[in-house]
C-alpha atoms as a PDB file:
ATOM      1  CA  MET A   1     -10.998  30.506  63.800  1.00  0.00           C
ATOM      2  CA  ASP A   2     -12.123  27.167  63.258  1.00  0.00           C
ATOM      3  CA  TYR A   3     -13.361  28.046  59.998  1.00  0.00           C
ATOM      4  CA  ASN A   4      -9.943  28.979  58.405  1.00  0.00           C
ATOM      5  CA  VAL A   5      -8.561  26.022  59.882  1.00  0.00           C
ATOM      6  CA  ARG A   6     -11.374  23.752  58.209  1.00  0.00           C
ATOM      7  CA  LEU A   7     -10.800  26.283  54.825  1.00  0.00           C
ATOM      8  CA  ARG A   8      -6.871  25.364  54.537  1.00  0.00           C
ATOM      9  CA  MET A   9      -7.503  21.649  55.358  1.00  0.00           C
ATOM     10  CA  SER A  10     -10.301  21.629  52.672  1.00  0.00           C
ATOM     11  CA  ASN A  11      -7.771  23.416  50.210  1.00  0.00           C
ATOM     12  CA  GLY A  12      -5.092  20.909  50.974  1.00  0.00           C
ATOM     13  CA  LEU A  13      -7.090  17.903  49.855  1.00  0.00           C
ATOM     14  CA  GLN A  14      -7.937  19.698  46.593  1.00  0.00           C
ATOM     15  CA  LYS A  15      -4.204  19.716  45.493  1.00  0.00           C
ATOM     16  CA  PRO A  16      -4.012  15.728  45.154  1.00  0.00           C
ATOM     17  CA  ARG A  17      -7.099  15.506  44.215  1.00  0.00           C
ATOM     18  CA  ARG A  18      -5.850  17.947  40.922  1.00  0.00           C
ATOM     19  CA  ILE A  19      -2.759  15.733  40.719  1.00  0.00           C
ATOM     20  CA  LYS A  20      -4.675  12.381  40.363  1.00  0.00           C
ATOM     21  CA  ALA A  21      -7.033  14.365  37.657  1.00  0.00           C
ATOM     22  CA  SER A  22      -3.865  15.322  35.865  1.00  0.00           C
ATOM     23  CA  ILE A  23      -2.369  12.008  35.839  1.00  0.00           C
ATOM     24  CA  GLY A  24      -5.275  10.891  34.904  1.00  0.00           C
ATOM     25  CA  GLN A  25      -5.806  12.833  32.103  1.00  0.00           C
ATOM     26  CA  VAL A  26      -2.309  12.384  30.793  1.00  0.00           C
ATOM     27  CA  VAL A  27      -2.707   8.608  31.009  1.00  0.00           C
ATOM     28  CA  LEU A  28      -6.098   8.781  29.069  1.00  0.00           C
ATOM     29  CA  ALA A  29      -4.117  10.564  26.450  1.00  0.00           C
ATOM     30  CA  VAL A  30      -1.206   8.521  26.130  1.00  0.00           C
ATOM     31  CA  ILE A  31      -3.764   5.480  25.963  1.00  0.00           C
ATOM     32  CA  ILE A  32      -5.481   7.200  22.967  1.00  0.00           C
ATOM     33  CA  ILE A  33      -2.555   7.856  21.222  1.00  0.00           C
ATOM     34  CA  LEU A  34      -1.244   4.355  21.779  1.00  0.00           C
ATOM     35  CA  VAL A  35      -4.544   3.081  20.107  1.00  0.00           C
ATOM     36  CA  VAL A  36      -4.459   5.481  17.295  1.00  0.00           C
ATOM     37  CA  PHE A  37      -0.690   4.932  16.413  1.00  0.00           C
ATOM     38  CA  ALA A  38      -1.572   1.194  16.461  1.00  0.00           C
ATOM     39  CA  ALA A  39      -5.023   1.450  14.147  1.00  0.00           C
ATOM     40  CA  VAL A  40      -2.652   3.474  11.660  1.00  0.00           C
ATOM     41  CA  GLN A  41      -0.272   0.963  11.769  1.00  0.00           C
ATOM     42  CA  PHE A  42      -2.959  -1.825  11.251  1.00  0.00           C
ATOM     43  CA  THR A  43      -4.448   0.457   8.562  1.00  0.00           C
ATOM     44  CA  MET A  44      -1.451   2.283   6.912  1.00  0.00           C
ATOM     45  CA  GLN A  45       1.922   1.829   6.130  1.00  0.00           C
ATOM     46  CA  THR A  46       4.253   4.527   4.152  1.00  0.00           C
ATOM     47  CA  PHE A  47       7.040   3.128   1.609  1.00  0.00           C
ATOM     48  CA  ARG A  48       9.623   4.557  -0.347  1.00  0.00           C
ATOM     49  CA  VAL A  49      10.091   3.814  -4.134  1.00  0.00           C
ATOM     50  CA  GLU A  50      13.249   2.972  -5.176  1.00  0.00           C
ATOM     51  CA  GLY A  51      14.254   2.703  -9.186  1.00  0.00           C
ATOM     52  CA  LYS A  52      12.178   3.577 -12.650  1.00  0.00           C
ATOM     53  CA  SER A  53      10.435   0.366 -12.729  1.00  0.00           C
ATOM     54  CA  MET A  54       7.110   2.278 -11.939  1.00  0.00           C
ATOM     55  CA  LEU A  55       7.864   5.496 -14.466  1.00  0.00           C
ATOM     56  CA  PRO A  56       5.658   7.779 -15.206  1.00  0.00           C
ATOM     57  CA  SER A  57       3.434   6.711 -12.391  1.00  0.00           C
ATOM     58  CA  PHE A  58       5.779   6.928  -9.544  1.00  0.00           C
ATOM     59  CA  SER A  59       9.163   8.076  -9.539  1.00  0.00           C
ATOM     60  CA  ASP A  60      12.355   7.012  -7.960  1.00  0.00           C
ATOM     61  CA  GLY A  61      12.563   8.348  -4.427  1.00  0.00           C
ATOM     62  CA  GLU A  62       9.162   9.090  -3.931  1.00  0.00           C
ATOM     63  CA  TYR A  63       6.978   8.388  -0.830  1.00  0.00           C
ATOM     64  CA  ILE A  64       3.811   6.740  -0.595  1.00  0.00           C
ATOM     65  CA  VAL A  65       1.236   5.604   1.493  1.00  0.00           C
ATOM     66  CA  VAL A  66      -0.313   2.208   1.174  1.00  0.00           C
ATOM     67  CA  ASN A  67      -3.447   1.213   2.226  1.00  0.00           C
ATOM     68  CA  LYS A  68      -3.240  -2.054   4.104  1.00  0.00           C
ATOM     69  CA  LEU A  69      -6.965  -2.679   5.085  1.00  0.00           C
ATOM     70  CA  THR A  70      -8.668  -2.368   1.447  1.00  0.00           C
ATOM     71  CA  TYR A  71      -7.471  -5.815   0.621  1.00  0.00           C
ATOM     72  CA  ARG A  72      -9.261  -7.600   4.064  1.00  0.00           C
ATOM     73  CA  PHE A  73     -12.603  -6.601   2.758  1.00  0.00           C
ATOM     74  CA  SER A  74     -12.062  -7.288  -1.103  1.00  0.00           C
ATOM     75  CA  SER A  75      -9.841  -8.766  -3.581  1.00  0.00           C
ATOM     76  CA  PRO A  76      -7.252  -6.896  -5.355  1.00  0.00           C
ATOM     77  CA  GLN A  77      -8.193  -5.990  -9.221  1.00  0.00           C
ATOM     78  CA  ARG A  78      -6.442  -5.778 -12.228  1.00  0.00           C
ATOM     79  CA  GLY A  79      -4.779  -1.965 -12.458  1.00  0.00           C
ATOM     80  CA  ASP A  80      -4.086  -1.815  -8.769  1.00  0.00           C
ATOM     81  CA  VAL A  81      -0.584  -0.879  -7.584  1.00  0.00           C
ATOM     82  CA  VAL A  82       0.174  -3.014  -4.796  1.00  0.00           C
ATOM     83  CA  VAL A  83       3.544  -3.603  -2.528  1.00  0.00           C
ATOM     84  CA  PHE A  84       4.315  -7.004  -1.984  1.00  0.00           C
ATOM     85  CA  HIS A  85       7.533  -9.846  -1.026  1.00  0.00           C
ATOM     86  CA  ASN A  86       8.780 -10.552  -3.828  1.00  0.00           C
ATOM     87  CA  PRO A  87       8.144 -14.536  -3.807  1.00  0.00           C
ATOM     88  CA  GLN A  88      11.919 -15.072  -5.143  1.00  0.00           C
ATOM     89  CA  MET A  89      13.276 -12.904  -2.298  1.00  0.00           C
ATOM     90  CA  PRO A  90      10.544 -12.068   0.572  1.00  0.00           C
ATOM     91  CA  GLU A  91      12.723 -10.000   2.595  1.00  0.00           C
ATOM     92  CA  ARG A  92      12.625  -7.230  -0.591  1.00  0.00           C
ATOM     93  CA  LEU A  93       9.255  -4.995  -1.325  1.00  0.00           C
ATOM     94  CA  TYR A  94       8.274  -4.330  -4.925  1.00  0.00           C
ATOM     95  CA  ILE A  95       5.521  -1.704  -6.434  1.00  0.00           C
ATOM     96  CA  LYS A  96       3.847  -3.328  -8.966  1.00  0.00           C
ATOM     97  CA  ARG A  97       0.568  -3.247 -11.307  1.00  0.00           C
ATOM     98  CA  ILE A  98      -1.896  -5.858 -11.496  1.00  0.00           C
ATOM     99  CA  VAL A  99      -2.260  -7.302 -14.714  1.00  0.00           C
ATOM    100  CA  GLY A 100      -3.351 -10.958 -13.983  1.00  0.00           C
ATOM    101  CA  LEU A 101      -6.083 -12.150 -11.863  1.00  0.00           C
ATOM    102  CA  PRO A 102      -6.366 -15.496 -10.530  1.00  0.00           C
ATOM    103  CA  GLY A 103      -7.918 -17.960 -13.228  1.00  0.00           C
ATOM    104  CA  ASP A 104      -6.806 -15.199 -16.340  1.00  0.00           C
ATOM    105  CA  THR A 105      -4.215 -16.709 -18.890  1.00  0.00           C
ATOM    106  CA  VAL A 106      -1.689 -14.163 -19.394  1.00  0.00           C
ATOM    107  CA  GLU A 107       0.449 -13.959 -22.579  1.00  0.00           C
ATOM    108  CA  ILE A 108       3.358 -11.199 -23.916  1.00  0.00           C
ATOM    109  CA  ARG A 109       3.458 -11.359 -27.910  1.00  0.00           C
ATOM    110  CA  GLY A 110       5.124  -9.004 -29.525  1.00  0.00           C
ATOM    111  CA  GLY A 111       5.583  -6.568 -26.572  1.00  0.00           C
ATOM    112  CA  ASP A 112       1.852  -6.484 -25.804  1.00  0.00           C
ATOM    113  CA  ILE A 113       0.020  -8.031 -22.864  1.00  0.00           C
ATOM    114  CA  TYR A 114      -2.832  -9.743 -23.745  1.00  0.00           C
ATOM    115  CA  ILE A 115      -5.251 -11.363 -21.084  1.00  0.00           C
ATOM    116  CA  ASN A 116      -7.313 -14.426 -22.266  1.00  0.00           C
ATOM    117  CA  GLY A 117      -6.424 -13.876 -25.517  1.00  0.00           C
ATOM    118  CA  SER A 118      -7.261 -10.199 -25.854  1.00  0.00           C
ATOM    119  CA  LEU A 119      -4.972  -7.359 -25.836  1.00  0.00           C
ATOM    120  CA  LEU A 120      -4.576  -5.351 -22.560  1.00  0.00           C
ATOM    121  CA  GLU A 121      -6.234  -2.069 -22.714  1.00  0.00           C
ATOM    122  CA  GLU A 122      -4.629   0.424 -20.563  1.00  0.00           C
ATOM    123  CA  THR A 123      -5.167   4.151 -19.578  1.00  0.00           C
ATOM    124  CA  PRO A 124      -2.281   5.826 -19.986  1.00  0.00           C
ATOM    125  CA  ASP A 125      -0.639   3.671 -23.002  1.00  0.00           C
ATOM    126  CA  PHE A 126       2.499   1.967 -21.576  1.00  0.00           C
ATOM    127  CA  ALA A 127       5.460   1.215 -23.746  1.00  0.00           C
ATOM    128  CA  ALA A 128       5.838  -2.469 -25.322  1.00  0.00           C
ATOM    129  CA  ILE A 129       7.523  -5.083 -23.104  1.00  0.00           C
ATOM    130  CA  LEU A 130      10.862  -5.999 -23.901  1.00  0.00           C
ATOM    131  CA  TYR A 131      10.025  -9.489 -23.775  1.00  0.00           C
ATOM    132  CA  GLU A 132       8.647 -11.890 -26.321  1.00  0.00           C
ATOM    133  CA  ASN A 133       6.570 -15.332 -26.376  1.00  0.00           C
ATOM    134  CA  TYR A 134       5.431 -15.727 -22.627  1.00  0.00           C
ATOM    135  CA  SER A 135       2.078 -17.534 -21.657  1.00  0.00           C
ATOM    136  CA  VAL A 136       0.850 -18.662 -17.954  1.00  0.00           C
ATOM    137  CA  THR A 137      -2.538 -19.365 -16.783  1.00  0.00           C
ATOM    138  CA  VAL A 138      -2.797 -17.799 -13.053  1.00  0.00           C
ATOM    139  CA  PRO A 139      -3.521 -20.191 -10.480  1.00  0.00           C
ATOM    140  CA  GLU A 140      -6.287 -19.641  -7.517  1.00  0.00           C
ATOM    141  CA  ASP A 141      -4.553 -17.079  -5.330  1.00  0.00           C
ATOM    142  CA  ARG A 142      -1.767 -15.874  -7.315  1.00  0.00           C
ATOM    143  CA  TYR A 143      -1.373 -12.719  -9.344  1.00  0.00           C
ATOM    144  CA  PHE A 144       0.790 -11.491 -12.431  1.00  0.00           C
ATOM    145  CA  VAL A 145       2.367  -7.970 -11.682  1.00  0.00           C
ATOM    146  CA  ILE A 146       4.528  -5.979 -13.795  1.00  0.00           C
ATOM    147  CA  GLY A 147       6.143  -2.365 -13.554  1.00  0.00           C
ATOM    148  CA  ASP A 148       4.621   0.236 -15.905  1.00  0.00           C
ATOM    149  CA  ASN A 149       8.040   1.157 -17.147  1.00  0.00           C
ATOM    150  CA  ARG A 150       7.758  -1.706 -19.548  1.00  0.00           C
ATOM    151  CA  VAL A 151      11.120  -1.325 -21.113  1.00  0.00           C
ATOM    152  CA  ALA A 152      13.146  -1.312 -17.815  1.00  0.00           C
ATOM    153  CA  THR A 153      10.942  -3.483 -14.911  1.00  0.00           C
ATOM    154  CA  SER A 154      10.733  -6.870 -13.645  1.00  0.00           C
ATOM    155  CA  GLY A 155       7.544  -8.370 -13.235  1.00  0.00           C
ATOM    156  CA  SER A 156       5.979 -11.899 -12.701  1.00  0.00           C
ATOM    157  CA  HIS A 157       7.331 -13.325 -16.126  1.00  0.00           C
ATOM    158  CA  THR A 158      11.216 -12.980 -14.605  1.00  0.00           C
ATOM    159  CA  PHE A 159      10.166 -13.429 -10.822  1.00  0.00           C
ATOM    160  CA  GLY A 160       7.006 -15.323 -10.986  1.00  0.00           C
ATOM    161  CA  LEU A 161       3.265 -15.035  -9.840  1.00  0.00           C
ATOM    162  CA  VAL A 162       2.652 -13.252  -6.568  1.00  0.00           C
ATOM    163  CA  PRO A 163       1.065 -15.527  -3.590  1.00  0.00           C
ATOM    164  CA  ARG A 164      -2.365 -13.080  -2.163  1.00  0.00           C
ATOM    165  CA  ARG A 165      -0.121 -13.494   1.375  1.00  0.00           C
ATOM    166  CA  ASN A 166       2.771 -11.549   0.124  1.00  0.00           C
ATOM    167  CA  ILE A 167       0.427  -8.502  -1.006  1.00  0.00           C
ATOM    168  CA  ILE A 168       0.854  -6.025   1.580  1.00  0.00           C
ATOM    169  CA  GLY A 169      -1.624  -3.361   0.152  1.00  0.00           C
ATOM    170  CA  LYS A 170      -3.010  -0.940  -2.198  1.00  0.00           C
ATOM    171  CA  THR A 171      -1.196   2.045  -3.008  1.00  0.00           C
ATOM    172  CA  TRP A 172      -3.338   5.400  -1.688  1.00  0.00           C
ATOM    173  CA  ILE A 173      -1.206   8.803  -1.869  1.00  0.00           C
ATOM    174  CA  SER A 174       2.007   9.737  -2.961  1.00  0.00           C
ATOM    175  CA  TYR A 175       3.062  12.648  -0.204  1.00  0.00           C
ATOM    176  CA  TRP A 176       6.678  13.070  -0.971  1.00  0.00           C
ATOM    177  CA  PRO A 177       7.917  15.592  -2.909  1.00  0.00           C
ATOM    178  CA  PRO A 178       5.381  17.917  -2.661  1.00  0.00           C
ATOM    179  CA  ARG A 179       4.855  18.273  -6.562  1.00  0.00           C
ATOM    180  CA  ASP A 180       4.255  14.386  -6.915  1.00  0.00           C
ATOM    181  CA  TRP A 181       1.586  14.931  -3.812  1.00  0.00           C
ATOM    182  CA  GLY A 182      -1.776  13.059  -4.792  1.00  0.00           C
ATOM    183  CA  LEU A 183      -3.806   9.792  -5.240  1.00  0.00           C
ATOM    184  CA  SER A 184      -2.165   7.061  -6.383  1.00  0.00           C
ATOM    185  CA  PRO A 185      -2.700   7.020 -10.145  1.00  0.00           C
ATOM    186  CA  SER A 186      -4.913   4.290 -11.620  1.00  0.00           C
ATOM    187  CA  TYR A 187      -6.098   3.030 -14.534  1.00  0.00           C
ATOM    188  CA  ALA A 188      -9.109   1.816 -16.204  1.00  0.00           C
ATOM    189  CA  ALA A 189      -8.106  -1.121 -17.408  1.00  0.00           C
ATOM    190  CA  ALA A 190     -10.646  -4.162 -20.037  1.00  0.00           C
ATOM    191  CA  ALA A 191      -9.980  -7.010 -21.077  1.00  0.00           C
ATOM    192  CA  GLN A 192     -12.448  -7.399 -23.846  1.00  0.00           C
END
């Protein structure tokens, strides 16, 4: 009889231990989820492309993921497509391609872009810009950006050079609509 009493008491103690273990597992799972969520928010962010200024690379309504970590370890490069706060209207986010780096002299002549006196060679070949006779030397910590749809885009020639601190990150993946799924289109740009 004593044996049965001890057995019942022992089983009674096991239930609170199981409940404590289950609560501990739930708390641990919640902590892991929060850490992963914070890490993702720190390194990536999703955006919706608005307008046609980045055609043919990105279309209106396309959803993209932007890598916010890349530029913590390296500088933006010519040809990178970036999301940034417009220098004239910081509450507005824009997506454009970097064509001018700090120290570059950027000129628009006859609808073509010249970097340090040489024609900017881009692949794919974008249309001519409907803008003439522009020249600027890009200061330290600033970038010259422009949309890929050169006949219908704004850029640094209209709203000014983009400070490095305004750049949120580099486009990484397009994920919606499914037909556009894939890595962000980039190009090999060479100013000779």
